[in-house]
C-alpha atoms as a PDB file:
ATOM      1  CA  MET A   1       0.000   0.000   0.000  1.00  0.00           C
ATOM      2  CA  GLU A   2       1.178   3.527  -0.764  1.00  0.00           C
ATOM      3  CA  LEU A   3       2.862   5.448   2.032  1.00  0.00           C
ATOM      4  CA  SER A   4       0.476   8.406   1.607  1.00  0.00           C
ATOM      5  CA  LEU A   5      -2.545   6.175   2.271  1.00  0.00           C
ATOM      6  CA  VAL A   6      -0.943   4.726   5.394  1.00  0.00           C
ATOM      7  CA  LEU A   7      -0.030   8.185   6.696  1.00  0.00           C
ATOM      8  CA  GLY A   8      -3.545   9.395   5.936  1.00  0.00           C
ATOM      9  CA  ALA A   9      -4.976   6.471   7.878  1.00  0.00           C
ATOM     10  CA  TRP A  10      -2.778   7.253  10.896  1.00  0.00           C
ATOM     11  CA  VAL A  11      -3.739  10.945  10.807  1.00  0.00           C
ATOM     12  CA  ALA A  12      -7.463  10.192  10.410  1.00  0.00           C
ATOM     13  CA  ALA A  13      -7.462   7.595  13.186  1.00  0.00           C
ATOM     14  CA  GLY A  14      -5.345   9.811  15.421  1.00  0.00           C
ATOM     15  CA  MET A  15      -7.519  12.910  15.038  1.00  0.00           C
ATOM     16  CA  THR A  16     -10.679  10.873  15.640  1.00  0.00           C
ATOM     17  CA  LEU A  17      -9.321   9.219  18.772  1.00  0.00           C
ATOM     18  CA  PHE A  18      -7.855  12.481  20.061  1.00  0.00           C
ATOM     19  CA  ILE A  19     -11.302  14.084  19.857  1.00  0.00           C
ATOM     20  CA  PHE A  20     -12.918  11.042  21.493  1.00  0.00           C
ATOM     21  CA  SER A  21     -10.373  11.245  24.316  1.00  0.00           C
ATOM     22  CA  PHE A  22     -12.274  14.265  25.642  1.00  0.00           C
ATOM     23  CA  LEU A  23     -14.922  11.782  26.836  1.00  0.00           C
ATOM     24  CA  TYR A  24     -12.397  10.808  29.516  1.00  0.00           C
ATOM     25  CA  LYS A  25     -11.133  14.289  30.319  1.00  0.00           C
ATOM     26  CA  ASP A  26      -9.603  17.385  28.769  1.00  0.00           C
ATOM     27  CA  ASN A  27      -6.058  16.681  27.590  1.00  0.00           C
ATOM     28  CA  PRO A  28      -3.328  18.041  25.273  1.00  0.00           C
ATOM     29  CA  PHE A  29      -4.191  15.595  22.476  1.00  0.00           C
ATOM     30  CA  TYR A  30      -7.798  16.781  22.380  1.00  0.00           C
ATOM     31  CA  ARG A  31      -6.767  20.443  22.399  1.00  0.00           C
ATOM     32  CA  ALA A  32      -4.265  19.867  19.596  1.00  0.00           C
ATOM     33  CA  ALA A  33      -6.892  18.115  17.464  1.00  0.00           C
ATOM     34  CA  GLU A  34      -9.455  20.806  18.240  1.00  0.00           C
ATOM     35  CA  HIS A  35      -7.121  23.643  17.270  1.00  0.00           C
ATOM     36  CA  LEU A  36      -6.019  21.820  14.138  1.00  0.00           C
ATOM     37  CA  TYR A  37      -9.623  21.198  13.121  1.00  0.00           C
ATOM     38  CA  VAL A  38     -10.597  24.851  13.600  1.00  0.00           C
ATOM     39  CA  GLY A  39      -7.457  26.079  11.843  1.00  0.00           C
ATOM     40  CA  VAL A  40      -7.871  23.781   8.851  1.00  0.00           C
ATOM     41  CA  GLY A  41     -11.572  24.692   8.636  1.00  0.00           C
ATOM     42  CA  MET A  42     -10.821  28.415   8.618  1.00  0.00           C
ATOM     43  CA  ALA A  43      -8.061  27.970   6.038  1.00  0.00           C
ATOM     44  CA  TRP A  44     -10.425  25.982   3.823  1.00  0.00           C
ATOM     45  CA  PHE A  45     -13.138  28.660   4.044  1.00  0.00           C
ATOM     46  CA  ILE A  46     -10.637  31.434   3.304  1.00  0.00           C
ATOM     47  CA  GLN A  47      -9.356  29.768   0.146  1.00  0.00           C
ATOM     48  CA  LEU A  48     -12.914  28.839  -0.856  1.00  0.00           C
ATOM     49  CA  TYR A  49     -14.137  32.435  -0.613  1.00  0.00           C
ATOM     50  CA  THR A  50     -10.952  33.720  -2.218  1.00  0.00           C
ATOM     51  CA  TYR A  51     -11.349  31.616  -5.364  1.00  0.00           C
ATOM     52  CA  SER A  52     -15.164  31.614  -5.522  1.00  0.00           C
ATOM     53  CA  VAL A  53     -15.963  35.200  -4.464  1.00  0.00           C
ATOM     54  CA  ILE A  54     -13.031  37.625  -4.210  1.00  0.00           C
ATOM     55  CA  ILE A  55     -11.247  36.732  -7.466  1.00  0.00           C
ATOM     56  CA  PRO A  56     -14.190  36.060  -9.833  1.00  0.00           C
ATOM     57  CA  LYS A  57     -16.657  38.597  -8.394  1.00  0.00           C
ATOM     58  CA  VAL A  58     -14.431  41.414  -7.149  1.00  0.00           C
ATOM     59  CA  TYR A  59     -10.905  41.389  -8.582  1.00  0.00           C
ATOM     60  CA  LYS A  60     -11.624  40.337 -12.185  1.00  0.00           C
ATOM     61  CA  PRO A  61     -14.729  42.558 -12.632  1.00  0.00           C
ATOM     62  CA  LEU A  62     -12.842  45.571 -11.242  1.00  0.00           C
ATOM     63  CA  VAL A  63      -9.872  44.955 -13.531  1.00  0.00           C
ATOM     64  CA  ASP A  64     -12.123  44.428 -16.565  1.00  0.00           C
ATOM     65  CA  THR A  65     -14.248  47.536 -15.932  1.00  0.00           C
ATOM     66  CA  ILE A  66     -11.184  49.732 -15.323  1.00  0.00           C
ATOM     67  CA  LYS A  67      -9.545  48.516 -18.547  1.00  0.00           C
ATOM     68  CA  ALA A  68     -12.761  49.070 -20.491  1.00  0.00           C
ATOM     69  CA  GLY A  69     -13.358  52.471 -18.890  1.00  0.00           C
ATOM     70  CA  ASP A  70     -16.818  51.327 -17.773  1.00  0.00           C
ATOM     71  CA  TRP A  71     -17.063  53.513 -14.676  1.00  0.00           C
ATOM     72  CA  VAL A  72     -20.740  52.775 -14.020  1.00  0.00           C
ATOM     73  CA  ASN A  73     -20.232  49.012 -13.646  1.00  0.00           C
ATOM     74  CA  MET A  74     -17.014  49.666 -11.747  1.00  0.00           C
ATOM     75  CA  TRP A  75     -18.966  51.457  -9.024  1.00  0.00           C
ATOM     76  CA  LEU A  76     -21.536  48.648  -8.990  1.00  0.00           C
ATOM     77  CA  VAL A  77     -18.683  46.328  -8.012  1.00  0.00           C
ATOM     78  CA  LEU A  78     -16.737  48.757  -5.841  1.00  0.00           C
ATOM     79  CA  ILE A  79     -19.594  49.834  -3.547  1.00  0.00           C
ATOM     80  CA  PRO A  80     -20.531  46.283  -2.390  1.00  0.00           C
ATOM     81  CA  THR A  81     -16.821  45.541  -1.982  1.00  0.00           C
ATOM     82  CA  VAL A  82     -16.305  48.553   0.277  1.00  0.00           C
ATOM     83  CA  LEU A  83     -19.399  47.640   2.306  1.00  0.00           C
ATOM     84  CA  GLY A  84     -18.050  44.131   2.741  1.00  0.00           C
ATOM     85  CA  LEU A  85     -14.625  45.373   3.786  1.00  0.00           C
ATOM     86  CA  SER A  86     -16.263  47.727   6.284  1.00  0.00           C
ATOM     87  CA  LEU A  87     -17.224  44.678   8.376  1.00  0.00           C
ATOM     88  CA  ILE A  88     -13.544  44.123   9.154  1.00  0.00           C
ATOM     89  CA  THR A  89     -13.411  47.467  11.004  1.00  0.00           C
ATOM     90  CA  GLN A  90     -15.357  45.751  13.794  1.00  0.00           C
ATOM     91  CA  PHE A  91     -11.974  44.537  15.058  1.00  0.00           C
ATOM     92  CA  ILE A  92     -10.615  48.101  15.288  1.00  0.00           C
ATOM     93  CA  PRO A  93     -12.400  49.886  18.179  1.00  0.00           C
ATOM     94  CA  LYS A  94     -11.651  53.454  17.004  1.00  0.00           C
ATOM     95  CA  ILE A  95     -13.312  53.008  13.624  1.00  0.00           C
ATOM     96  CA  SER A  96     -15.664  50.114  14.430  1.00  0.00           C
ATOM     97  CA  TRP A  97     -18.640  52.426  13.768  1.00  0.00           C
ATOM     98  CA  ILE A  98     -17.963  52.061  10.041  1.00  0.00           C
ATOM     99  CA  SER A  99     -19.020  48.412  10.220  1.00  0.00           C
ATOM    100  CA  ARG A 100     -22.587  49.515  10.995  1.00  0.00           C
ATOM    101  CA  TYR A 101     -23.101  50.476   7.343  1.00  0.00           C
ATOM    102  CA  GLY A 102     -22.058  47.057   6.144  1.00  0.00           C
ATOM    103  CA  PHE A 103     -24.152  45.250   8.772  1.00  0.00           C
ATOM    104  CA  THR A 104     -27.180  47.441   8.011  1.00  0.00           C
ATOM    105  CA  PHE A 105     -26.975  46.732   4.303  1.00  0.00           C
ATOM    106  CA  LEU A 106     -26.376  43.023   4.951  1.00  0.00           C
ATOM    107  CA  MET A 107     -29.346  42.671   7.303  1.00  0.00           C
ATOM    108  CA  GLY A 108     -31.666  44.701   5.080  1.00  0.00           C
ATOM    109  CA  TYR A 109     -30.674  42.794   1.950  1.00  0.00           C
ATOM    110  CA  GLY A 110     -30.908  39.457   3.778  1.00  0.00           C
ATOM    111  CA  ALA A 111     -34.355  40.229   5.189  1.00  0.00           C
ATOM    112  CA  GLY A 112     -35.623  41.357   1.809  1.00  0.00           C
ATOM    113  CA  LEU A 113     -34.271  38.211   0.198  1.00  0.00           C
ATOM    114  CA  ILE A 114     -35.409  35.705   2.810  1.00  0.00           C
ATOM    115  CA  LEU A 115     -38.875  37.026   3.722  1.00  0.00           C
ATOM    116  CA  PRO A 116     -40.514  36.530   0.284  1.00  0.00           C
ATOM    117  CA  ALA A 117     -38.931  33.101  -0.064  1.00  0.00           C
ATOM    118  CA  GLY A 118     -39.971  32.167   3.478  1.00  0.00           C
ATOM    119  CA  LEU A 119     -43.536  33.327   2.905  1.00  0.00           C
ATOM    120  CA  ALA A 120     -43.745  31.371  -0.332  1.00  0.00           C
ATOM    121  CA  THR A 121     -42.219  28.150   0.959  1.00  0.00           C
ATOM    122  CA  ASP A 122     -43.250  27.944   4.615  1.00  0.00           C
ATOM    123  CA  PHE A 123     -46.342  30.132   5.027  1.00  0.00           C
ATOM    124  CA  MET A 124     -48.207  29.731   1.727  1.00  0.00           C
ATOM    125  CA  ASN A 125     -47.280  26.083   1.243  1.00  0.00           C
ATOM    126  CA  GLN A 126     -48.515  25.323   4.767  1.00  0.00           C
ATOM    127  CA  ILE A 127     -51.863  26.968   4.009  1.00  0.00           C
ATOM    128  CA  VAL A 128     -52.195  25.178   0.661  1.00  0.00           C
ATOM    129  CA  GLY A 129     -51.150  21.844   2.159  1.00  0.00           C
ATOM    130  CA  THR A 130     -53.740  22.213   4.912  1.00  0.00           C
ATOM    131  CA  ILE A 131     -56.690  23.295   2.743  1.00  0.00           C
ATOM    132  CA  GLU A 132     -56.044  21.419  -0.519  1.00  0.00           C
ATOM    133  CA  PRO A 133     -57.073  17.924   0.722  1.00  0.00           C
ATOM    134  CA  PHE A 134     -60.559  19.263   1.607  1.00  0.00           C
ATOM    135  CA  ALA A 135     -61.192  20.321  -2.016  1.00  0.00           C
ATOM    136  CA  ASN A 136     -61.863  16.663  -2.871  1.00  0.00           C
ATOM    137  CA  PHE A 137     -62.177  15.349   0.670  1.00  0.00           C
ATOM    138  CA  PHE A 138     -64.792  12.623   0.024  1.00  0.00           C
ATOM    139  CA  SER A 139     -62.794  11.130  -2.835  1.00  0.00           C
ATOM    140  CA  LEU A 140     -59.847  10.475  -0.526  1.00  0.00           C
ATOM    141  CA  SER A 141     -59.099   7.181   1.134  1.00  0.00           C
ATOM    142  CA  ALA A 142     -59.877   6.714   4.816  1.00  0.00           C
ATOM    143  CA  GLY A 143     -56.212   7.095   5.760  1.00  0.00           C
ATOM    144  CA  ALA A 144     -55.850  10.292   3.729  1.00  0.00           C
ATOM    145  CA  MET A 145     -59.006  11.729   5.338  1.00  0.00           C
ATOM    146  CA  ILE A 146     -57.680  11.073   8.836  1.00  0.00           C
ATOM    147  CA  ASN A 147     -54.327  12.552   7.878  1.00  0.00           C
ATOM    148  CA  ALA A 148     -55.960  15.716   6.480  1.00  0.00           C
ATOM    149  CA  ILE A 149     -58.070  16.166   9.628  1.00  0.00           C
ATOM    150  CA  ILE A 150     -55.048  15.711  11.915  1.00  0.00           C
ATOM    151  CA  ILE A 151     -53.051  18.274   9.913  1.00  0.00           C
ATOM    152  CA  LEU A 152     -55.945  20.762  10.062  1.00  0.00           C
ATOM    153  CA  ILE A 153     -56.454  20.315  13.812  1.00  0.00           C
ATOM    154  CA  GLY A 154     -52.720  20.545  14.473  1.00  0.00           C
ATOM    155  CA  THR A 155     -52.268  23.698  12.374  1.00  0.00           C
ATOM    156  CA  LEU A 156     -55.231  25.504  13.925  1.00  0.00           C
ATOM    157  CA  SER A 157     -54.393  24.516  17.509  1.00  0.00           C
ATOM    158  CA  VAL A 158     -50.772  25.629  17.145  1.00  0.00           C
ATOM    159  CA  LEU A 159     -51.919  28.937  15.616  1.00  0.00           C
ATOM    160  CA  PHE A 160     -54.248  29.453  18.578  1.00  0.00           C
ATOM    161  CA  TYR A 161     -51.327  28.768  20.935  1.00  0.00           C
ATOM    162  CA  PHE A 162     -49.368  31.677  19.382  1.00  0.00           C
ATOM    163  CA  PHE A 163     -52.426  33.962  19.125  1.00  0.00           C
ATOM    164  CA  PHE A 164     -51.999  36.511  21.927  1.00  0.00           C
ATOM    165  CA  SER A 165     -54.537  39.129  20.872  1.00  0.00           C
ATOM    166  CA  VAL A 166     -57.141  37.580  23.202  1.00  0.00           C
ATOM    167  CA  GLU A 167     -56.751  36.070  26.641  1.00  0.00           C
ATOM    168  CA  HIS A 168     -56.251  32.318  26.675  1.00  0.00           C
ATOM    169  CA  LYS A 169     -59.203  31.108  28.690  1.00  0.00           C
ATOM    170  CA  GLY A 170     -62.184  28.877  28.121  1.00  0.00           C
ATOM    171  CA  ALA A 171     -62.294  27.159  24.735  1.00  0.00           C
ATOM    172  CA  ILE A 172     -59.282  29.074  23.403  1.00  0.00           C
ATOM    173  CA  LYS A 173     -57.192  27.861  26.337  1.00  0.00           C
ATOM    174  CA  LYS A 174     -58.182  24.247  25.687  1.00  0.00           C
ATOM    175  CA  VAL A 175     -57.420  24.514  21.961  1.00  0.00           C
ATOM    176  CA  SER A 176     -54.063  26.220  22.566  1.00  0.00           C
ATOM    177  CA  ALA A 177     -53.172  23.622  25.202  1.00  0.00           C
ATOM    178  CA  PHE A 178     -53.935  20.935  22.624  1.00  0.00           C
ATOM    179  CA  GLY A 179     -51.527  22.692  20.254  1.00  0.00           C
ATOM    180  CA  VAL A 180     -48.724  22.148  22.777  1.00  0.00           C
ATOM    181  CA  TYR A 181     -48.943  18.402  22.111  1.00  0.00           C
ATOM    182  CA  PHE A 182     -48.405  18.957  18.384  1.00  0.00           C
ATOM    183  CA  LEU A 183     -45.459  21.231  19.148  1.00  0.00           C
ATOM    184  CA  MET A 184     -43.895  18.609  21.415  1.00  0.00           C
ATOM    185  CA  ILE A 185     -44.391  15.935  18.758  1.00  0.00           C
ATOM    186  CA  TYR A 186     -42.704  18.187  16.191  1.00  0.00           C
ATOM    187  CA  PHE A 187     -39.791  19.054  18.472  1.00  0.00           C
ATOM    188  CA  GLY A 188     -39.365  15.411  19.447  1.00  0.00           C
ATOM    189  CA  ALA A 189     -39.368  14.260  15.821  1.00  0.00           C
ATOM    190  CA  SER A 190     -36.889  16.999  14.848  1.00  0.00           C
ATOM    191  CA  PHE A 191     -34.609  16.134  17.750  1.00  0.00           C
ATOM    192  CA  GLY A 192     -34.815  12.420  16.950  1.00  0.00           C
ATOM    193  CA  ASN A 193     -33.972  13.126  13.316  1.00  0.00           C
ATOM    194  CA  THR A 194     -30.951  15.205  14.395  1.00  0.00           C
ATOM    195  CA  VAL A 195     -29.762  12.511  16.797  1.00  0.00           C
ATOM    196  CA  MET A 196     -30.082   9.820  14.119  1.00  0.00           C
ATOM    197  CA  ALA A 197     -28.088  11.959  11.692  1.00  0.00           C
ATOM    198  CA  ARG A 198     -25.323  12.441  14.286  1.00  0.00           C
ATOM    199  CA  PHE A 199     -25.308   8.733  15.087  1.00  0.00           C
ATOM    200  CA  SER A 200     -24.870   7.931  11.397  1.00  0.00           C
ATOM    201  CA  LEU A 201     -21.738  10.107  11.432  1.00  0.00           C
ATOM    202  CA  LEU A 202     -20.564   8.358  14.618  1.00  0.00           C
ATOM    203  CA  TYR A 203     -21.031   4.946  13.005  1.00  0.00           C
ATOM    204  CA  GLY A 204     -18.963   6.154  10.080  1.00  0.00           C
ATOM    205  CA  ARG A 205     -16.098   7.126  12.387  1.00  0.00           C
ATOM    206  CA  PHE A 206     -16.269   3.768  14.174  1.00  0.00           C
ATOM    207  CA  ASP A 207     -16.220   1.983  10.823  1.00  0.00           C
ATOM    208  CA  THR A 208     -13.145   3.999   9.843  1.00  0.00           C
ATOM    209  CA  LEU A 209     -11.384   3.134  13.100  1.00  0.00           C
ATOM    210  CA  VAL A 210     -12.106  -0.568  12.599  1.00  0.00           C
ATOM    211  CA  LYS A 211     -10.834  -0.340   9.032  1.00  0.00           C
ATOM    212  CA  TYR A 212      -7.575   1.321  10.096  1.00  0.00           C
ATOM    213  CA  SER A 213      -6.993  -1.275  12.815  1.00  0.00           C
ATOM    214  CA  LYS A 214      -6.014  -3.843  10.176  1.00  0.00           C
ATOM    215  CA  GLY A 215      -2.500  -4.929   9.318  1.00  0.00           C
ATOM    216  CA  GLU A 216      -2.462  -3.177   5.940  1.00  0.00           C
ATOM    217  CA  TYR A 217      -2.525   0.147   7.831  1.00  0.00           C
ATOM    218  CA  PHE A 218       0.036  -1.094  10.377  1.00  0.00           C
ATOM    219  CA  TYR A 219      -2.630  -1.300  13.103  1.00  0.00           C
ATOM    220  CA  ALA A 220      -2.957   2.494  13.315  1.00  0.00           C
ATOM    221  CA  THR A 221      -6.035   2.484  15.560  1.00  0.00           C
ATOM    222  CA  ASN A 222      -4.592  -0.086  17.954  1.00  0.00           C
ATOM    223  CA  TRP A 223      -1.268   1.687  18.409  1.00  0.00           C
ATOM    224  CA  ILE A 224      -2.859   5.101  18.923  1.00  0.00           C
ATOM    225  CA  ILE A 225      -5.287   3.738  21.518  1.00  0.00           C
ATOM    226  CA  LEU A 226      -2.372   2.055  23.288  1.00  0.00           C
ATOM    227  CA  GLY A 227      -0.386   5.300  23.237  1.00  0.00           C
ATOM    228  CA  LEU A 228      -3.303   7.258  24.710  1.00  0.00           C
ATOM    229  CA  LEU A 229      -3.794   4.676  27.463  1.00  0.00           C
ATOM    230  CA  ILE A 230      -0.088   4.778  28.353  1.00  0.00           C
ATOM    231  CA  TYR A 231      -0.191   8.594  28.463  1.00  0.00           C
ATOM    232  CA  PHE A 232      -3.236   8.735  30.737  1.00  0.00           C
ATOM    233  CA  ILE A 233      -1.867   6.052  33.072  1.00  0.00           C
ATOM    234  CA  CYS A 234       1.539   7.741  33.320  1.00  0.00           C
ATOM    235  CA  GLU A 235      -0.107  11.135  33.834  1.00  0.00           C
ATOM    236  CA  LYS A 236      -2.266   9.771  36.636  1.00  0.00           C
ATOM    237  CA  ILE A 237       0.709   8.087  38.339  1.00  0.00           C
ATOM    238  CA  PHE A 238       2.832  11.234  37.977  1.00  0.00           C
ATOM    239  CA  PHE A 239       0.227  13.591  39.423  1.00  0.00           C
ATOM    240  CA  LYS A 240      -0.529  11.133  42.211  1.00  0.00           C
ATOM    241  CA  ALA A 241       3.207  10.990  43.075  1.00  0.00           C
ATOM    242  CA  VAL A 242       3.469  14.795  43.027  1.00  0.00           C
ATOM    243  CA  LYS A 243       0.424  15.099  45.270  1.00  0.00           C
ATOM    244  CA  LEU A 244       1.867  12.595  47.773  1.00  0.00           C
ATOM    245  CA  LYS A 245       5.200  14.413  47.724  1.00  0.00           C
ATOM    246  CA  LYS A 246       3.531  17.731  48.559  1.00  0.00           C
ATOM    247  CA  THR A 247       1.638  16.207  51.438  1.00  0.00           C
END
């Protein structure tokens, strides 16, 4: 097997086990892996934005418009660039007020972009999905009828729960309390889905560790686990000896 693949296996197994070692306690191996992970992630994002945003959408358009003498399009590129760069002034206290212009534009643009899409996808689709089955309700199967009724009851009860224009008492209180059950079911299902997704990633790491414990990778997983165990045992003995010496 190629040396690069073996080294990659040792690095992958080592970083995984170093992160897992935090389950025992905080230690230098975990901190090293954590810092390396954050550093590599930031470096990857920097190069990604450099080659996908800064060069093709800022540098090249500015160079092309300046060469062509197209001053109108040059300003259309330069103004967003300056607003983006103004966000960096947040790290300089004396001129951090400049970043407000960039943040204001960013939040206003983001709200204007997200609100119509959110209304179309979440709000309108929810209304259509709730009402549409009742257009041909009696032609539906029994299961589809029950499903449509449950969706209608759940939507209305949850809306009543978040309706604060009137006091929640009497029938409104009972309906809104019923909406809490639908909310808990939704939150539970979402949480379960998230947990299952994380467990699938965990299984993948375990599968990788088992794979790299084979002889073709020079038992990378086994040796790293042994090294961590030796370190923790020696550390515990050392600190215990130091503590006894002080007493």
